[in-house]
């Protein structure tokens, strides 16, 4: 979707620039067809979202948010080693927004180094109470990055903001990887998947759990570590834009700008 003249002028006036930090990694997945696993308890993304900002006012406070928007109105299925349209998309769950934990912070803070959204998690649990982003499996989405000039998450509705998105970040939400090429890329590049590589520890871990299940009485004394519970903060964003055709890399990043959110009600969401 090309930028309109008014939007482009607003972008130049705002002078804010957002760069996707790991763009080459995203593109390597995009060329095959990126898949992101979603689970009931929430799963982190890989590649994860990481951006760099410039052009902010050094002393002004900003809140950074991310939400996930459907690419189109379709549901997909993996068939004959490729993705095919399987019908009309399911009604989308309430659109949640993940707020970067450093928010709010002055512009100089945001510009001093790349920003990671590593702790953001995706889930298919429509009753989730932990603030994770709720998505439907077998649907395609892309992340939007919102840069809002505001002093807190509760005043973003009155702050001027600009929104950025990148075509190479489009992905299909799945409960298990469908494309074996994507699985290989994840194992090769994700540092948390090192146990699945040749010579890794996954084999030994599998043996341990088999032994654990077969001899529970003797292994009761072993306590497995519990998962960390990362505190997150989320709010409901403005309604998503009308559905449009999927991105193409030739279009470059997409930029949207609005002067204020007063027409959109925002509701606080707590992870507690």
C-alpha atoms as a PDB file:
ATOM      1  CA  UNK A   1       0.000   0.000   0.000  1.00  0.00           C
ATOM      2  CA  UNK A   2       1.817   3.149  -1.182  1.00  0.00           C
ATOM      3  CA  UNK A   3       2.019   6.151   1.102  1.00  0.00           C
ATOM      4  CA  UNK A   4      -0.415   8.943   0.419  1.00  0.00           C
ATOM      5  CA  UNK A   5       0.987  12.411  -0.169  1.00  0.00           C
ATOM      6  CA  UNK A   6      -0.414  13.742   3.105  1.00  0.00           C
ATOM      7  CA  UNK A   7       0.993  10.807   5.085  1.00  0.00           C
ATOM      8  CA  UNK A   8       4.416  11.198   3.504  1.00  0.00           C
ATOM      9  CA  UNK A   9       4.416  14.923   4.323  1.00  0.00           C
ATOM     10  CA  UNK A  10       3.434  14.208   7.917  1.00  0.00           C
ATOM     11  CA  UNK A  11       6.276  11.701   8.152  1.00  0.00           C
ATOM     12  CA  UNK A  12       8.787  14.242   6.913  1.00  0.00           C
ATOM     13  CA  UNK A  13       7.489  16.841   9.340  1.00  0.00           C
ATOM     14  CA  UNK A  14       7.663  14.407  12.229  1.00  0.00           C
ATOM     15  CA  UNK A  15      11.199  13.336  11.210  1.00  0.00           C
ATOM     16  CA  UNK A  16      10.860  10.098  13.187  1.00  0.00           C
ATOM     17  CA  UNK A  17      12.592   7.136  11.576  1.00  0.00           C
ATOM     18  CA  UNK A  18      12.201   3.495  12.606  1.00  0.00           C
ATOM     19  CA  UNK A  19      14.537   0.780  11.292  1.00  0.00           C
ATOM     20  CA  UNK A  20      14.028  -2.971  11.597  1.00  0.00           C
ATOM     21  CA  UNK A  21      17.259  -4.129  13.209  1.00  0.00           C
ATOM     22  CA  UNK A  22      17.362  -7.784  12.128  1.00  0.00           C
ATOM     23  CA  UNK A  23      15.885  -7.178   8.672  1.00  0.00           C
ATOM     24  CA  UNK A  24      18.129  -9.678   6.867  1.00  0.00           C
ATOM     25  CA  UNK A  25      17.114 -12.478   9.235  1.00  0.00           C
ATOM     26  CA  UNK A  26      13.452 -11.580   8.841  1.00  0.00           C
ATOM     27  CA  UNK A  27      13.854 -11.564   5.053  1.00  0.00           C
ATOM     28  CA  UNK A  28      15.439 -15.025   5.040  1.00  0.00           C
ATOM     29  CA  UNK A  29      12.330 -16.333   6.807  1.00  0.00           C
ATOM     30  CA  UNK A  30       9.967 -14.218   4.703  1.00  0.00           C
ATOM     31  CA  UNK A  31      11.365 -15.667   1.467  1.00  0.00           C
ATOM     32  CA  UNK A  32      10.220 -19.123   2.621  1.00  0.00           C
ATOM     33  CA  UNK A  33       7.076 -18.092   4.491  1.00  0.00           C
ATOM     34  CA  UNK A  34       7.550 -17.165   8.151  1.00  0.00           C
ATOM     35  CA  UNK A  35       5.654 -19.204  10.741  1.00  0.00           C
ATOM     36  CA  UNK A  36       5.228 -18.309  14.412  1.00  0.00           C
ATOM     37  CA  UNK A  37       4.128 -20.913  16.947  1.00  0.00           C
ATOM     38  CA  UNK A  38       1.358 -19.798  19.301  1.00  0.00           C
ATOM     39  CA  UNK A  39       0.498 -21.731  22.481  1.00  0.00           C
ATOM     40  CA  UNK A  40      -2.016 -21.594  25.302  1.00  0.00           C
ATOM     41  CA  UNK A  41       0.582 -20.300  27.761  1.00  0.00           C
ATOM     42  CA  UNK A  42       2.238 -17.903  25.305  1.00  0.00           C
ATOM     43  CA  UNK A  43       5.293 -18.281  23.068  1.00  0.00           C
ATOM     44  CA  UNK A  44       7.974 -15.723  22.259  1.00  0.00           C
ATOM     45  CA  UNK A  45       8.577 -14.816  18.635  1.00  0.00           C
ATOM     46  CA  UNK A  46      11.613 -15.776  16.597  1.00  0.00           C
ATOM     47  CA  UNK A  47      12.832 -13.764  14.864  1.00  0.00           C
ATOM     48  CA  UNK A  48      11.851 -11.326  17.600  1.00  0.00           C
ATOM     49  CA  UNK A  49      10.944  -7.711  16.980  1.00  0.00           C
ATOM     50  CA  UNK A  50      13.859  -5.318  17.370  1.00  0.00           C
ATOM     51  CA  UNK A  51      13.919  -1.745  16.074  1.00  0.00           C
ATOM     52  CA  UNK A  52      16.099   1.366  16.132  1.00  0.00           C
ATOM     53  CA  UNK A  53      14.668   4.881  16.368  1.00  0.00           C
ATOM     54  CA  UNK A  54      15.922   8.304  15.419  1.00  0.00           C
ATOM     55  CA  UNK A  55      14.441  11.772  15.073  1.00  0.00           C
ATOM     56  CA  UNK A  56      12.741  11.828  18.485  1.00  0.00           C
ATOM     57  CA  UNK A  57      12.795  14.895  20.707  1.00  0.00           C
ATOM     58  CA  UNK A  58      15.516  14.085  23.281  1.00  0.00           C
ATOM     59  CA  UNK A  59      13.658  15.443  26.326  1.00  0.00           C
ATOM     60  CA  UNK A  60      10.091  14.529  25.372  1.00  0.00           C
ATOM     61  CA  UNK A  61       8.579  11.340  26.787  1.00  0.00           C
ATOM     62  CA  UNK A  62       7.413   8.563  24.480  1.00  0.00           C
ATOM     63  CA  UNK A  63       5.512   5.301  24.880  1.00  0.00           C
ATOM     64  CA  UNK A  64       6.320   2.441  22.487  1.00  0.00           C
ATOM     65  CA  UNK A  65       3.722  -0.183  21.646  1.00  0.00           C
ATOM     66  CA  UNK A  66       3.306  -3.158  19.325  1.00  0.00           C
ATOM     67  CA  UNK A  67       0.148  -4.840  18.105  1.00  0.00           C
ATOM     68  CA  UNK A  68      -0.609  -7.566  15.548  1.00  0.00           C
ATOM     69  CA  UNK A  69      -2.883  -6.882  12.583  1.00  0.00           C
ATOM     70  CA  UNK A  70      -4.408  -9.437  10.161  1.00  0.00           C
ATOM     71  CA  UNK A  71      -2.858  -9.287   6.706  1.00  0.00           C
ATOM     72  CA  UNK A  72      -6.088 -10.255   4.987  1.00  0.00           C
ATOM     73  CA  UNK A  73      -9.499 -11.823   5.537  1.00  0.00           C
ATOM     74  CA  UNK A  74      -8.406 -15.415   4.869  1.00  0.00           C
ATOM     75  CA  UNK A  75      -7.655 -18.581   6.769  1.00  0.00           C
ATOM     76  CA  UNK A  76      -4.858 -20.802   5.428  1.00  0.00           C
ATOM     77  CA  UNK A  77      -3.832 -24.452   5.348  1.00  0.00           C
ATOM     78  CA  UNK A  78      -0.563 -26.228   4.537  1.00  0.00           C
ATOM     79  CA  UNK A  79      -1.113 -28.487   1.541  1.00  0.00           C
ATOM     80  CA  UNK A  80       1.307 -30.071  -0.906  1.00  0.00           C
ATOM     81  CA  UNK A  81       4.292 -28.232   0.568  1.00  0.00           C
ATOM     82  CA  UNK A  82       2.750 -24.791   0.282  1.00  0.00           C
ATOM     83  CA  UNK A  83       0.218 -22.508   1.948  1.00  0.00           C
ATOM     84  CA  UNK A  84      -3.234 -22.281   0.386  1.00  0.00           C
ATOM     85  CA  UNK A  85      -6.338 -20.266   1.231  1.00  0.00           C
ATOM     86  CA  UNK A  86      -8.719 -22.475   3.212  1.00  0.00           C
ATOM     87  CA  UNK A  87     -11.644 -20.103   3.605  1.00  0.00           C
ATOM     88  CA  UNK A  88     -12.747 -16.916   5.308  1.00  0.00           C
ATOM     89  CA  UNK A  89     -10.913 -15.755   8.413  1.00  0.00           C
ATOM     90  CA  UNK A  90     -12.422 -16.393  11.825  1.00  0.00           C
ATOM     91  CA  UNK A  91     -13.685 -13.350  13.762  1.00  0.00           C
ATOM     92  CA  UNK A  92     -10.628 -11.756  15.288  1.00  0.00           C
ATOM     93  CA  UNK A  93     -10.228 -11.661  19.093  1.00  0.00           C
ATOM     94  CA  UNK A  94      -9.869  -8.305  20.893  1.00  0.00           C
ATOM     95  CA  UNK A  95      -6.766  -6.573  19.566  1.00  0.00           C
ATOM     96  CA  UNK A  96      -4.216  -6.185  22.347  1.00  0.00           C
ATOM     97  CA  UNK A  97      -1.165  -3.965  22.414  1.00  0.00           C
ATOM     98  CA  UNK A  98       2.131  -4.847  24.075  1.00  0.00           C
ATOM     99  CA  UNK A  99       3.821  -1.869  25.731  1.00  0.00           C
ATOM    100  CA  UNK A 100       7.605  -1.820  25.857  1.00  0.00           C
ATOM    101  CA  UNK A 101       8.579  -2.147  29.556  1.00  0.00           C
ATOM    102  CA  UNK A 102      10.782   0.990  29.410  1.00  0.00           C
ATOM    103  CA  UNK A 103       7.735   3.150  28.603  1.00  0.00           C
ATOM    104  CA  UNK A 104       7.460   6.016  29.174  1.00  0.00           C
ATOM    105  CA  UNK A 105      10.993   7.285  28.566  1.00  0.00           C
ATOM    106  CA  UNK A 106      12.577  10.362  26.974  1.00  0.00           C
ATOM    107  CA  UNK A 107      13.539  10.310  23.327  1.00  0.00           C
ATOM    108  CA  UNK A 108      17.255  10.190  24.119  1.00  0.00           C
ATOM    109  CA  UNK A 109      16.696   6.897  25.941  1.00  0.00           C
ATOM    110  CA  UNK A 110      14.926   5.302  22.989  1.00  0.00           C
ATOM    111  CA  UNK A 111      17.547   6.472  20.505  1.00  0.00           C
ATOM    112  CA  UNK A 112      20.687   5.387  22.344  1.00  0.00           C
ATOM    113  CA  UNK A 113      20.424   1.697  21.361  1.00  0.00           C
ATOM    114  CA  UNK A 114      18.171  -0.784  19.491  1.00  0.00           C
ATOM    115  CA  UNK A 115      14.962  -1.730  21.277  1.00  0.00           C
ATOM    116  CA  UNK A 116      13.989  -5.355  21.739  1.00  0.00           C
ATOM    117  CA  UNK A 117      10.472  -6.744  22.186  1.00  0.00           C
ATOM    118  CA  UNK A 118      11.865 -10.157  23.099  1.00  0.00           C
ATOM    119  CA  UNK A 119       9.492 -10.677  26.045  1.00  0.00           C
ATOM    120  CA  UNK A 120       6.338 -10.215  23.982  1.00  0.00           C
ATOM    121  CA  UNK A 121       4.412 -13.492  23.701  1.00  0.00           C
ATOM    122  CA  UNK A 122       1.770 -14.837  21.331  1.00  0.00           C
ATOM    123  CA  UNK A 123      -1.096 -17.074  22.448  1.00  0.00           C
ATOM    124  CA  UNK A 124      -4.187 -18.776  21.040  1.00  0.00           C
ATOM    125  CA  UNK A 125      -5.955 -18.659  24.417  1.00  0.00           C
ATOM    126  CA  UNK A 126      -8.863 -16.245  23.989  1.00  0.00           C
ATOM    127  CA  UNK A 127      -9.301 -16.199  27.792  1.00  0.00           C
ATOM    128  CA  UNK A 128      -5.649 -15.277  28.446  1.00  0.00           C
ATOM    129  CA  UNK A 129      -5.170 -13.217  31.630  1.00  0.00           C
ATOM    130  CA  UNK A 130      -1.452 -12.479  31.236  1.00  0.00           C
ATOM    131  CA  UNK A 131      -1.559  -9.730  28.633  1.00  0.00           C
ATOM    132  CA  UNK A 132      -0.220 -11.867  25.766  1.00  0.00           C
ATOM    133  CA  UNK A 133      -1.152 -11.059  22.168  1.00  0.00           C
ATOM    134  CA  UNK A 134      -4.113 -13.276  21.160  1.00  0.00           C
ATOM    135  CA  UNK A 135      -4.041 -14.678  17.614  1.00  0.00           C
ATOM    136  CA  UNK A 136      -5.813 -17.363  15.597  1.00  0.00           C
ATOM    137  CA  UNK A 137      -3.848 -20.284  14.221  1.00  0.00           C
ATOM    138  CA  UNK A 138      -3.604 -20.564  10.426  1.00  0.00           C
ATOM    139  CA  UNK A 139      -4.098 -16.814   9.959  1.00  0.00           C
ATOM    140  CA  UNK A 140      -1.540 -14.275   8.769  1.00  0.00           C
ATOM    141  CA  UNK A 141      -0.477 -11.218  10.744  1.00  0.00           C
ATOM    142  CA  UNK A 142       2.125  -8.473  10.846  1.00  0.00           C
ATOM    143  CA  UNK A 143       3.352  -6.328  13.767  1.00  0.00           C
ATOM    144  CA  UNK A 144       2.782  -2.575  13.925  1.00  0.00           C
ATOM    145  CA  UNK A 145       5.101  -0.344  15.949  1.00  0.00           C
ATOM    146  CA  UNK A 146       3.495   2.721  17.559  1.00  0.00           C
ATOM    147  CA  UNK A 147       5.622   5.659  18.727  1.00  0.00           C
ATOM    148  CA  UNK A 148       3.441   7.877  20.941  1.00  0.00           C
ATOM    149  CA  UNK A 149       4.506  11.111  22.566  1.00  0.00           C
ATOM    150  CA  UNK A 150       2.974  10.697  26.024  1.00  0.00           C
ATOM    151  CA  UNK A 151       3.945  10.751  29.698  1.00  0.00           C
ATOM    152  CA  UNK A 152       2.259   7.446  30.564  1.00  0.00           C
ATOM    153  CA  UNK A 153       0.298   4.544  29.098  1.00  0.00           C
ATOM    154  CA  UNK A 154      -2.868   6.184  30.388  1.00  0.00           C
ATOM    155  CA  UNK A 155      -2.405   9.392  28.367  1.00  0.00           C
ATOM    156  CA  UNK A 156      -1.550   7.848  24.990  1.00  0.00           C
ATOM    157  CA  UNK A 157      -5.064   8.576  23.736  1.00  0.00           C
ATOM    158  CA  UNK A 158      -4.233  12.285  23.704  1.00  0.00           C
ATOM    159  CA  UNK A 159      -0.682  12.040  22.404  1.00  0.00           C
ATOM    160  CA  UNK A 160       0.450  12.413  18.819  1.00  0.00           C
ATOM    161  CA  UNK A 161       1.729   9.155  17.394  1.00  0.00           C
ATOM    162  CA  UNK A 162       3.191   7.559  14.304  1.00  0.00           C
ATOM    163  CA  UNK A 163       2.881   3.929  13.299  1.00  0.00           C
ATOM    164  CA  UNK A 164       5.385   1.847  11.336  1.00  0.00           C
ATOM    165  CA  UNK A 165       5.274  -1.648   9.839  1.00  0.00           C
ATOM    166  CA  UNK A 166       7.607  -3.749   7.709  1.00  0.00           C
ATOM    167  CA  UNK A 167       6.570  -6.163   4.930  1.00  0.00           C
ATOM    168  CA  UNK A 168       9.215  -8.781   5.790  1.00  0.00           C
ATOM    169  CA  UNK A 169       7.653  -9.310   9.243  1.00  0.00           C
ATOM    170  CA  UNK A 170       4.459 -10.934   7.902  1.00  0.00           C
ATOM    171  CA  UNK A 171       3.961 -14.399   9.402  1.00  0.00           C
ATOM    172  CA  UNK A 172       1.471 -17.250   9.625  1.00  0.00           C
ATOM    173  CA  UNK A 173       0.407 -18.206  13.149  1.00  0.00           C
ATOM    174  CA  UNK A 174       0.582 -21.983  13.735  1.00  0.00           C
ATOM    175  CA  UNK A 175       0.404 -24.408  16.657  1.00  0.00           C
ATOM    176  CA  UNK A 176       3.198 -26.509  15.088  1.00  0.00           C
ATOM    177  CA  UNK A 177       5.587 -25.731  12.259  1.00  0.00           C
ATOM    178  CA  UNK A 178       4.266 -26.869   8.884  1.00  0.00           C
ATOM    179  CA  UNK A 179       7.175 -26.055   6.570  1.00  0.00           C
ATOM    180  CA  UNK A 180      10.307 -28.126   7.381  1.00  0.00           C
ATOM    181  CA  UNK A 181      12.475 -25.367   5.869  1.00  0.00           C
ATOM    182  CA  UNK A 182      11.200 -22.971   8.518  1.00  0.00           C
ATOM    183  CA  UNK A 183      11.975 -25.523  11.223  1.00  0.00           C
ATOM    184  CA  UNK A 184      15.551 -25.791   9.963  1.00  0.00           C
ATOM    185  CA  UNK A 185      15.973 -22.007   9.865  1.00  0.00           C
ATOM    186  CA  UNK A 186      14.676 -21.703  13.421  1.00  0.00           C
ATOM    187  CA  UNK A 187      17.102 -24.360  14.657  1.00  0.00           C
ATOM    188  CA  UNK A 188      20.027 -22.814  12.782  1.00  0.00           C
ATOM    189  CA  UNK A 189      19.461 -19.236  13.994  1.00  0.00           C
ATOM    190  CA  UNK A 190      17.565 -19.386  17.277  1.00  0.00           C
ATOM    191  CA  UNK A 191      20.051 -19.602  20.185  1.00  0.00           C
ATOM    192  CA  UNK A 192      17.361 -21.205  22.357  1.00  0.00           C
ATOM    193  CA  UNK A 193      17.045 -24.096  19.879  1.00  0.00           C
ATOM    194  CA  UNK A 194      20.687 -25.191  20.185  1.00  0.00           C
ATOM    195  CA  UNK A 195      19.641 -28.419  21.910  1.00  0.00           C
ATOM    196  CA  UNK A 196      18.001 -29.603  18.684  1.00  0.00           C
ATOM    197  CA  UNK A 197      21.184 -29.284  16.631  1.00  0.00           C
ATOM    198  CA  UNK A 198      23.471 -32.188  15.920  1.00  0.00           C
ATOM    199  CA  UNK A 199      25.480 -32.963  19.024  1.00  0.00           C
ATOM    200  CA  UNK A 200      23.173 -30.862  21.200  1.00  0.00           C
ATOM    201  CA  UNK A 201      21.523 -31.755  24.484  1.00  0.00           C
ATOM    202  CA  UNK A 202      18.006 -32.461  23.191  1.00  0.00           C
ATOM    203  CA  UNK A 203      18.725 -36.178  22.846  1.00  0.00           C
ATOM    204  CA  UNK A 204      19.925 -36.431  26.431  1.00  0.00           C
ATOM    205  CA  UNK A 205      16.963 -34.376  27.655  1.00  0.00           C
ATOM    206  CA  UNK A 206      14.587 -36.750  25.889  1.00  0.00           C
ATOM    207  CA  UNK A 207      16.244 -39.751  27.548  1.00  0.00           C
ATOM    208  CA  UNK A 208      16.005 -38.065  30.942  1.00  0.00           C
ATOM    209  CA  UNK A 209      12.266 -37.399  30.632  1.00  0.00           C
ATOM    210  CA  UNK A 210      11.644 -40.936  29.397  1.00  0.00           C
ATOM    211  CA  UNK A 211      13.542 -42.234  32.426  1.00  0.00           C
ATOM    212  CA  UNK A 212      11.596 -39.828  34.645  1.00  0.00           C
ATOM    213  CA  UNK A 213       8.232 -41.047  33.381  1.00  0.00           C
ATOM    214  CA  UNK A 214       9.208 -44.712  33.652  1.00  0.00           C
ATOM    215  CA  UNK A 215      10.536 -44.468  37.224  1.00  0.00           C
ATOM    216  CA  UNK A 216       8.589 -41.664  38.944  1.00  0.00           C
ATOM    217  CA  UNK A 217       8.999 -43.017  42.487  1.00  0.00           C
ATOM    218  CA  UNK A 218      12.791 -42.798  42.356  1.00  0.00           C
ATOM    219  CA  UNK A 219      12.874 -39.400  40.708  1.00  0.00           C
ATOM    220  CA  UNK A 220      10.366 -37.528  42.850  1.00  0.00           C
ATOM    221  CA  UNK A 221      13.186 -35.685  44.540  1.00  0.00           C
ATOM    222  CA  UNK A 222      14.153 -33.888  41.299  1.00  0.00           C
ATOM    223  CA  UNK A 223      12.472 -30.517  41.007  1.00  0.00           C
ATOM    224  CA  UNK A 224      12.169 -29.116  37.493  1.00  0.00           C
ATOM    225  CA  UNK A 225      12.570 -25.325  37.285  1.00  0.00           C
ATOM    226  CA  UNK A 226       9.366 -23.376  36.783  1.00  0.00           C
ATOM    227  CA  UNK A 227       8.952 -20.955  33.882  1.00  0.00           C
ATOM    228  CA  UNK A 228       9.615 -17.326  34.641  1.00  0.00           C
ATOM    229  CA  UNK A 229       6.592 -15.065  34.741  1.00  0.00           C
ATOM    230  CA  UNK A 230       7.495 -11.881  32.985  1.00  0.00           C
ATOM    231  CA  UNK A 231       5.389  -8.898  33.948  1.00  0.00           C
ATOM    232  CA  UNK A 232       3.803  -7.215  30.963  1.00  0.00           C
ATOM    233  CA  UNK A 233       1.491  -4.298  30.473  1.00  0.00           C
ATOM    234  CA  UNK A 234      -1.040  -4.071  27.687  1.00  0.00           C
ATOM    235  CA  UNK A 235      -3.759  -1.722  26.556  1.00  0.00           C
ATOM    236  CA  UNK A 236      -6.327  -1.991  23.833  1.00  0.00           C
ATOM    237  CA  UNK A 237      -5.262  -0.040  20.733  1.00  0.00           C
ATOM    238  CA  UNK A 238      -7.401   1.866  18.207  1.00  0.00           C
ATOM    239  CA  UNK A 239      -9.341  -0.316  15.752  1.00  0.00           C
ATOM    240  CA  UNK A 240      -7.169  -1.864  13.019  1.00  0.00           C
ATOM    241  CA  UNK A 241      -7.302  -0.401   9.504  1.00  0.00           C
ATOM    242  CA  UNK A 242      -9.444  -2.041   6.801  1.00  0.00           C
ATOM    243  CA  UNK A 243      -8.065  -5.340   5.534  1.00  0.00           C
ATOM    244  CA  UNK A 244      -5.825  -4.985   2.521  1.00  0.00           C
ATOM    245  CA  UNK A 245      -3.773  -7.277   0.253  1.00  0.00           C
ATOM    246  CA  UNK A 246      -0.536  -8.713   1.656  1.00  0.00           C
ATOM    247  CA  UNK A 247       2.654  -6.693   1.650  1.00  0.00           C
ATOM    248  CA  UNK A 248       5.303  -6.892  -1.013  1.00  0.00           C
ATOM    249  CA  UNK A 249       8.936  -6.169  -0.232  1.00  0.00           C
ATOM    250  CA  UNK A 250       9.098  -3.704  -3.103  1.00  0.00           C
ATOM    251  CA  UNK A 251       6.816  -1.349  -1.168  1.00  0.00           C
ATOM    252  CA  UNK A 252       9.283  -0.864   1.689  1.00  0.00           C
ATOM    253  CA  UNK A 253       8.075  -0.222   5.222  1.00  0.00           C
ATOM    254  CA  UNK A 254       4.571   1.114   5.737  1.00  0.00           C
ATOM    255  CA  UNK A 255       4.107   4.316   7.713  1.00  0.00           C
ATOM    256  CA  UNK A 256       0.900   5.691   9.163  1.00  0.00           C
ATOM    257  CA  UNK A 257       0.424   8.868  11.137  1.00  0.00           C
ATOM    258  CA  UNK A 258      -2.371  10.437  13.198  1.00  0.00           C
ATOM    259  CA  UNK A 259      -2.282  13.537  15.343  1.00  0.00           C
ATOM    260  CA  UNK A 260      -4.263  12.260  18.275  1.00  0.00           C
ATOM    261  CA  UNK A 261      -6.066   9.209  19.663  1.00  0.00           C
ATOM    262  CA  UNK A 262      -8.895  11.061  21.410  1.00  0.00           C
ATOM    263  CA  UNK A 263     -11.491   9.456  19.127  1.00  0.00           C
ATOM    264  CA  UNK A 264     -10.359   5.949  20.140  1.00  0.00           C
ATOM    265  CA  UNK A 265     -11.122   4.671  23.668  1.00  0.00           C
ATOM    266  CA  UNK A 266      -8.164   2.975  25.322  1.00  0.00           C
ATOM    267  CA  UNK A 267      -8.601   0.624  28.240  1.00  0.00           C
ATOM    268  CA  UNK A 268      -5.896  -0.277  30.720  1.00  0.00           C
ATOM    269  CA  UNK A 269      -5.011  -3.964  30.900  1.00  0.00           C
ATOM    270  CA  UNK A 270      -3.007  -5.324  33.809  1.00  0.00           C
ATOM    271  CA  UNK A 271      -1.129  -8.603  33.919  1.00  0.00           C
ATOM    272  CA  UNK A 272      -1.943  -9.064  37.610  1.00  0.00           C
END
